[in-house]
């Protein structure tokens, strides 16, 4: 069974869109939020989410990607928050 991606969007007062996403059906499911500009193609949003989910397979590098940059580069991924779903916790 292949993982499914669910998307919900909400238009903010700023005109941007907050996209709530979640995955289901994989070994590790994720959820998160993405801030998108108006008229951003859905394919671009899905590609960005998939890129970040794929990167979570190498979590230490993904979580510490800016540890040594100290402002040397500008990363445009600051508009996404991604979390791993935890099952069985009360």
Protein backbone atom coordinates (compact mmCIF):
# COMPACT_ATOMS: atom_id res chain seq x y z
CA UNK A 1 0.00 0.00 0.00
CA UNK A 2 1.38 3.38 -0.97
CA UNK A 3 1.28 6.35 1.39
CA UNK A 4 -1.50 8.86 0.81
CA UNK A 5 -1.14 12.60 1.24
CA UNK A 6 -4.10 14.58 2.55
CA UNK A 7 -4.24 18.35 2.11
CA UNK A 8 -6.48 21.03 3.59
CA UNK A 9 -5.99 24.73 2.94
CA UNK A 10 -7.11 27.93 4.58
CA UNK A 11 -6.70 31.43 3.18
CA UNK A 12 -5.10 33.80 5.67
CA UNK A 13 -5.77 37.53 6.03
CA UNK A 14 -2.36 38.15 4.43
CA UNK A 15 -3.57 36.47 1.23
CA UNK A 16 -1.24 33.50 1.69
CA UNK A 17 -2.52 29.97 2.22
CA UNK A 18 -1.90 27.76 5.23
CA UNK A 19 -1.86 24.15 4.07
CA UNK A 20 -2.40 21.42 6.63
CA UNK A 21 -1.07 18.07 5.39
CA UNK A 22 -0.83 14.53 6.68
CA UNK A 23 0.35 11.19 5.36
CA UNK A 24 -1.26 7.81 5.90
CA UNK A 25 -0.30 4.27 4.98
CA UNK A 26 3.48 4.31 5.33
CA UNK A 27 5.84 2.96 7.98
CA UNK A 28 6.11 6.43 9.51
CA UNK A 29 3.30 8.90 9.06
CA UNK A 30 3.80 12.64 9.22
CA UNK A 31 1.72 15.78 9.54
CA UNK A 32 2.51 19.44 9.28
CA UNK A 33 1.81 22.88 7.94
CA UNK A 34 3.06 24.76 4.92
CA UNK A 35 2.72 28.43 4.08
CA UNK A 36 2.14 28.97 0.35
CA UNK A 37 1.91 32.07 -1.77
CA UNK A 38 -1.26 32.73 -3.79
CA UNK A 39 -1.31 31.01 -7.20
CA UNK A 40 1.28 28.41 -6.17
CA UNK A 41 0.55 25.29 -8.24
CA UNK A 42 -0.70 22.29 -6.26
CA UNK A 43 2.02 20.15 -7.88
CA UNK A 44 4.68 22.47 -6.42
CA UNK A 45 3.14 22.22 -2.94
CA UNK A 46 3.00 18.41 -3.15
CA UNK A 47 6.58 18.25 -4.43
CA UNK A 48 7.83 20.39 -1.52
CA UNK A 49 6.00 18.26 1.04
CA UNK A 50 7.31 15.04 -0.52
CA UNK A 51 10.85 16.44 -0.57
CA UNK A 52 10.71 17.15 3.16
CA UNK A 53 9.12 13.80 3.99
CA UNK A 54 11.83 12.01 2.00
CA UNK A 55 14.48 14.03 3.82
CA UNK A 56 13.13 12.87 7.16
CA UNK A 57 14.65 9.45 6.36
CA UNK A 58 18.01 11.05 7.19
CA UNK A 59 16.74 12.86 10.27
CA UNK A 60 20.02 14.00 11.87
CA UNK A 61 21.02 15.84 8.68
CA UNK A 62 17.50 17.15 8.11
CA UNK A 63 17.07 18.46 11.65
CA UNK A 64 20.54 20.01 11.85
CA UNK A 65 20.87 21.33 8.30
CA UNK A 66 21.66 24.85 9.50
CA UNK A 67 23.99 23.95 12.36
CA UNK A 68 27.15 25.13 10.58
CA UNK A 69 25.72 27.56 8.04
CA UNK A 70 25.55 30.57 10.43
CA UNK A 71 23.84 32.75 7.87
CA UNK A 72 26.00 31.75 4.92
CA UNK A 73 23.05 30.62 2.85
CA UNK A 74 19.39 31.45 2.57
CA UNK A 75 17.09 28.45 2.81
CA UNK A 76 13.51 28.86 1.63
CA UNK A 77 12.21 25.95 3.70
CA UNK A 78 11.32 28.08 6.70
CA UNK A 79 7.69 28.02 5.65
CA UNK A 80 7.09 24.37 6.49
CA UNK A 81 6.66 22.56 9.79
CA UNK A 82 6.68 18.77 9.76
CA UNK A 83 6.12 16.34 12.60
CA UNK A 84 6.14 12.57 12.96
CA UNK A 85 2.85 11.02 14.12
CA UNK A 86 3.19 9.08 17.33
CA UNK A 87 0.73 6.24 17.80
CA UNK A 88 -0.26 4.61 21.05
CA UNK A 89 0.56 7.52 23.34
CA UNK A 90 -2.09 8.79 25.71
